[in-house]
């Protein structure tokens, strides 16, 4: 994994286990081949506070920006497909 991807993966480590799992699994699977735009979008998402992220991933809230809402859906979907 290149340094930029590694830094983003590190930022996926949050204060909440559920967020760590969701974001970490997505980042580990997608970042190595992610386009720069996808990386920038993930970085913007990671700039948000944990309570806001918890609302998106655990509380059924939807980000107001369409690109961010689509990313939240991709992250949630990718993690659901990896559940045994």
N, C-alpha and C. Protein backbone atom coordinates (compact mmCIF):
# COMPACT_ATOMS: atom_id res chain seq x y z
N UNK A 1 0.85 -1.17 0.00
CA UNK A 1 0.00 0.00 0.00
C UNK A 1 0.90 1.24 0.00
N UNK A 2 0.59 2.20 -0.83
CA UNK A 2 1.39 3.41 -0.92
C UNK A 2 1.17 4.29 0.32
N UNK A 3 2.05 5.26 0.55
CA UNK A 3 1.96 6.08 1.77
C UNK A 3 0.63 6.83 1.92
N UNK A 4 0.09 7.36 0.83
CA UNK A 4 -1.18 8.08 0.92
C UNK A 4 -2.30 7.14 1.36
N UNK A 5 -2.35 5.97 0.77
CA UNK A 5 -3.37 4.99 1.14
C UNK A 5 -3.19 4.55 2.59
N UNK A 6 -1.94 4.35 2.99
CA UNK A 6 -1.66 3.96 4.37
C UNK A 6 -2.11 5.02 5.37
N UNK A 7 -1.90 6.28 5.01
CA UNK A 7 -2.33 7.37 5.89
C UNK A 7 -3.86 7.41 6.01
N UNK A 8 -4.54 7.20 4.90
CA UNK A 8 -6.01 7.16 4.94
C UNK A 8 -6.50 5.97 5.76
N UNK A 9 -5.86 4.84 5.59
CA UNK A 9 -6.23 3.66 6.37
C UNK A 9 -6.05 3.95 7.86
N UNK A 10 -4.97 4.61 8.22
CA UNK A 10 -4.74 4.96 9.62
C UNK A 10 -5.84 5.88 10.14
N UNK A 11 -6.28 6.82 9.31
CA UNK A 11 -7.35 7.75 9.72
C UNK A 11 -8.69 7.04 9.90
N UNK A 12 -8.82 5.85 9.37
CA UNK A 12 -10.05 5.07 9.54
C UNK A 12 -10.18 4.52 10.96
N UNK A 13 -9.10 4.58 11.72
CA UNK A 13 -9.14 4.15 13.11
C UNK A 13 -9.78 5.27 13.92
N UNK A 14 -10.96 5.01 14.40
CA UNK A 14 -11.74 6.02 15.10
C UNK A 14 -11.85 5.65 16.57
N UNK A 15 -12.73 6.31 17.29
CA UNK A 15 -12.92 6.01 18.70
C UNK A 15 -14.02 5.02 18.95
N UNK A 16 -14.61 4.50 17.88
CA UNK A 16 -15.75 3.60 18.00
C UNK A 16 -15.47 2.33 17.20
N UNK A 17 -15.56 1.19 17.84
CA UNK A 17 -15.22 -0.09 17.20
C UNK A 17 -16.00 -0.31 15.90
N UNK A 18 -17.28 -0.01 15.91
CA UNK A 18 -18.10 -0.23 14.72
C UNK A 18 -17.59 0.58 13.54
N UNK A 19 -17.20 1.83 13.79
CA UNK A 19 -16.66 2.65 12.71
C UNK A 19 -15.31 2.13 12.26
N UNK A 20 -14.48 1.69 13.22
CA UNK A 20 -13.18 1.11 12.87
C UNK A 20 -13.35 -0.04 11.89
N UNK A 21 -14.29 -0.93 12.18
CA UNK A 21 -14.51 -2.11 11.34
C UNK A 21 -15.02 -1.71 9.96
N UNK A 22 -16.06 -0.91 9.92
CA UNK A 22 -16.64 -0.50 8.64
C UNK A 22 -15.63 0.23 7.76
N UNK A 23 -15.04 1.27 8.31
CA UNK A 23 -14.13 2.10 7.53
C UNK A 23 -12.84 1.36 7.21
N UNK A 24 -12.31 0.62 8.18
CA UNK A 24 -11.06 -0.10 7.97
C UNK A 24 -11.17 -1.18 6.91
N UNK A 25 -12.24 -1.94 6.93
CA UNK A 25 -12.42 -2.99 5.92
C UNK A 25 -12.54 -2.40 4.52
N UNK A 26 -13.34 -1.34 4.43
CA UNK A 26 -13.51 -0.69 3.13
C UNK A 26 -12.18 -0.15 2.61
N UNK A 27 -11.49 0.58 3.47
CA UNK A 27 -10.23 1.20 3.06
C UNK A 27 -9.20 0.15 2.65
N UNK A 28 -9.07 -0.91 3.42
CA UNK A 28 -8.10 -1.95 3.11
C UNK A 28 -8.39 -2.61 1.77
N UNK A 29 -9.67 -2.76 1.45
CA UNK A 29 -10.05 -3.42 0.20
C UNK A 29 -9.97 -2.50 -1.00
N UNK A 30 -10.27 -1.23 -0.82
CA UNK A 30 -10.45 -0.33 -1.96
C UNK A 30 -9.26 0.59 -2.21
N UNK A 31 -8.61 1.06 -1.16
CA UNK A 31 -7.58 2.08 -1.33
C UNK A 31 -6.42 1.70 -2.24
N UNK A 32 -5.93 0.47 -2.21
CA UNK A 32 -4.78 0.19 -3.07
C UNK A 32 -5.00 0.50 -4.55
N UNK A 33 -6.22 0.33 -5.03
CA UNK A 33 -6.49 0.61 -6.45
C UNK A 33 -7.43 1.80 -6.66
N UNK A 34 -7.72 2.54 -5.60
CA UNK A 34 -8.68 3.66 -5.68
C UNK A 34 -8.12 4.82 -6.50
N UNK A 35 -9.00 5.42 -7.27
CA UNK A 35 -8.66 6.61 -8.03
C UNK A 35 -8.45 7.79 -7.06
N UNK A 36 -7.69 8.78 -7.49
CA UNK A 36 -7.47 9.95 -6.62
C UNK A 36 -8.76 10.60 -6.14
N UNK A 37 -9.77 10.66 -6.98
CA UNK A 37 -11.05 11.28 -6.58
C UNK A 37 -11.70 10.50 -5.44
N UNK A 38 -11.62 9.18 -5.49
CA UNK A 38 -12.19 8.33 -4.43
C UNK A 38 -11.43 8.55 -3.12
N UNK A 39 -10.13 8.68 -3.22
CA UNK A 39 -9.32 8.93 -2.02
C UNK A 39 -9.65 10.29 -1.41
N UNK A 40 -9.81 11.30 -2.25
CA UNK A 40 -10.16 12.64 -1.74
C UNK A 40 -11.53 12.61 -1.06
N UNK A 41 -12.47 11.90 -1.65
CA UNK A 41 -13.80 11.81 -1.07
C UNK A 41 -13.75 11.10 0.28
N UNK A 42 -13.00 10.02 0.37
CA UNK A 42 -12.85 9.33 1.65
C UNK A 42 -12.20 10.24 2.68
N UNK A 43 -11.19 10.99 2.27
CA UNK A 43 -10.52 11.93 3.19
C UNK A 43 -11.52 12.96 3.71
N UNK A 44 -12.39 13.46 2.85
CA UNK A 44 -13.43 14.41 3.28
C UNK A 44 -14.37 13.77 4.29
N UNK A 45 -14.74 12.52 4.04
CA UNK A 45 -15.61 11.82 4.97
C UNK A 45 -14.93 11.67 6.32
N UNK A 46 -13.65 11.33 6.30
CA UNK A 46 -12.92 11.12 7.55
C UNK A 46 -12.67 12.41 8.32
N UNK A 47 -12.87 13.55 7.68
CA UNK A 47 -12.77 14.84 8.37
C UNK A 47 -13.95 15.07 9.31
N UNK A 48 -15.00 14.32 9.14
CA UNK A 48 -16.21 14.52 9.93
C UNK A 48 -16.06 13.88 11.31
N UNK A 49 -16.73 14.44 12.30
CA UNK A 49 -16.62 13.89 13.66
C UNK A 49 -17.30 12.53 13.78
N UNK A 50 -16.83 11.74 14.75
CA UNK A 50 -17.37 10.40 14.95
C UNK A 50 -18.88 10.36 15.14
N UNK A 51 -19.48 11.27 15.92
CA UNK A 51 -20.94 11.19 16.06
C UNK A 51 -21.69 11.34 14.72
N UNK A 52 -21.15 12.18 13.86
CA UNK A 52 -21.77 12.35 12.54
C UNK A 52 -21.61 11.07 11.71
N UNK A 53 -20.41 10.49 11.73
CA UNK A 53 -20.18 9.23 11.00
C UNK A 53 -21.06 8.12 11.56
N UNK A 54 -21.19 8.06 12.87
CA UNK A 54 -22.05 7.04 13.49
C UNK A 54 -23.49 7.21 13.01
N UNK A 55 -23.93 8.43 12.88
CA UNK A 55 -25.27 8.67 12.37
C UNK A 55 -25.44 8.15 10.95
N UNK A 56 -24.42 8.32 10.14
CA UNK A 56 -24.49 7.84 8.75
C UNK A 56 -24.47 6.32 8.67
N UNK A 57 -23.58 5.70 9.43
CA UNK A 57 -23.38 4.26 9.29
C UNK A 57 -24.25 3.43 10.22
N UNK A 58 -24.67 3.99 11.33
CA UNK A 58 -25.41 3.21 12.32
C UNK A 58 -26.80 3.76 12.59
N UNK A 59 -27.03 5.01 12.26
CA UNK A 59 -28.29 5.64 12.61
C UNK A 59 -29.23 5.90 11.47
N UNK A 60 -28.85 5.50 10.26
CA UNK A 60 -29.73 5.68 9.12
C UNK A 60 -29.78 7.09 8.57
N UNK A 61 -28.90 7.98 9.03
CA UNK A 61 -28.85 9.33 8.49
C UNK A 61 -28.15 9.31 7.14
N UNK A 62 -28.44 10.29 6.32
CA UNK A 62 -27.85 10.37 4.99
C UNK A 62 -27.13 11.70 4.85
N UNK A 63 -25.88 11.69 4.40
CA UNK A 63 -25.18 12.95 4.18
C UNK A 63 -25.91 13.80 3.15
N UNK A 64 -25.90 15.12 3.31
CA UNK A 64 -26.63 15.98 2.37
C UNK A 64 -26.00 16.01 0.96
N UNK A 65 -24.69 15.77 0.87
CA UNK A 65 -24.02 15.81 -0.43
C UNK A 65 -24.21 14.46 -1.13
N UNK A 66 -24.66 14.49 -2.39
CA UNK A 66 -24.90 13.23 -3.11
C UNK A 66 -23.66 12.34 -3.23
N UNK A 67 -22.48 12.94 -3.47
CA UNK A 67 -21.28 12.12 -3.60
C UNK A 67 -20.91 11.45 -2.28
N UNK A 68 -21.13 12.16 -1.17
CA UNK A 68 -20.84 11.60 0.14
C UNK A 68 -21.86 10.52 0.49
N UNK A 69 -23.11 10.73 0.15
CA UNK A 69 -24.15 9.72 0.40
C UNK A 69 -23.84 8.45 -0.39
N UNK A 70 -23.37 8.60 -1.61
CA UNK A 70 -23.01 7.44 -2.42
C UNK A 70 -21.82 6.70 -1.81
N UNK A 71 -20.85 7.42 -1.28
CA UNK A 71 -19.71 6.77 -0.63
C UNK A 71 -20.15 6.00 0.61
N UNK A 72 -21.00 6.59 1.41
CA UNK A 72 -21.52 5.89 2.60
C UNK A 72 -22.21 4.60 2.19
N UNK A 73 -22.99 4.66 1.12
CA UNK A 73 -23.67 3.46 0.62
C UNK A 73 -22.66 2.42 0.15
N UNK A 74 -21.62 2.85 -0.57
CA UNK A 74 -20.59 1.91 -1.03
C UNK A 74 -19.88 1.24 0.15
N UNK A 75 -19.55 2.03 1.15
CA UNK A 75 -18.86 1.48 2.32
C UNK A 75 -19.75 0.46 3.02
N UNK A 76 -20.98 0.82 3.28
CA UNK A 76 -21.92 -0.07 3.95
C UNK A 76 -22.14 -1.34 3.14
N UNK A 77 -22.35 -1.20 1.85
CA UNK A 77 -22.59 -2.35 0.98
C UNK A 77 -21.38 -3.27 0.92
N UNK A 78 -20.20 -2.69 0.80
CA UNK A 78 -19.00 -3.53 0.68
C UNK A 78 -18.77 -4.32 1.96
N UNK A 79 -19.07 -3.75 3.09
CA UNK A 79 -18.88 -4.46 4.36
C UNK A 79 -19.94 -5.53 4.54
N UNK A 80 -21.13 -5.30 4.08
CA UNK A 80 -22.19 -6.30 4.19
C UNK A 80 -21.89 -7.51 3.31
N UNK A 81 -21.23 -7.28 2.19
CA UNK A 81 -20.89 -8.39 1.29
C UNK A 81 -19.77 -9.25 1.88
N UNK A 82 -19.00 -8.70 2.82
CA UNK A 82 -17.88 -9.44 3.41
C UNK A 82 -18.24 -10.10 4.73
N UNK A 83 -19.50 -10.05 5.13
CA UNK A 83 -19.93 -10.68 6.37
C UNK A 83 -20.13 -12.16 6.12
N UNK A 84 -19.52 -13.01 6.95
CA UNK A 84 -19.67 -14.46 6.73
C UNK A 84 -21.07 -14.93 7.00
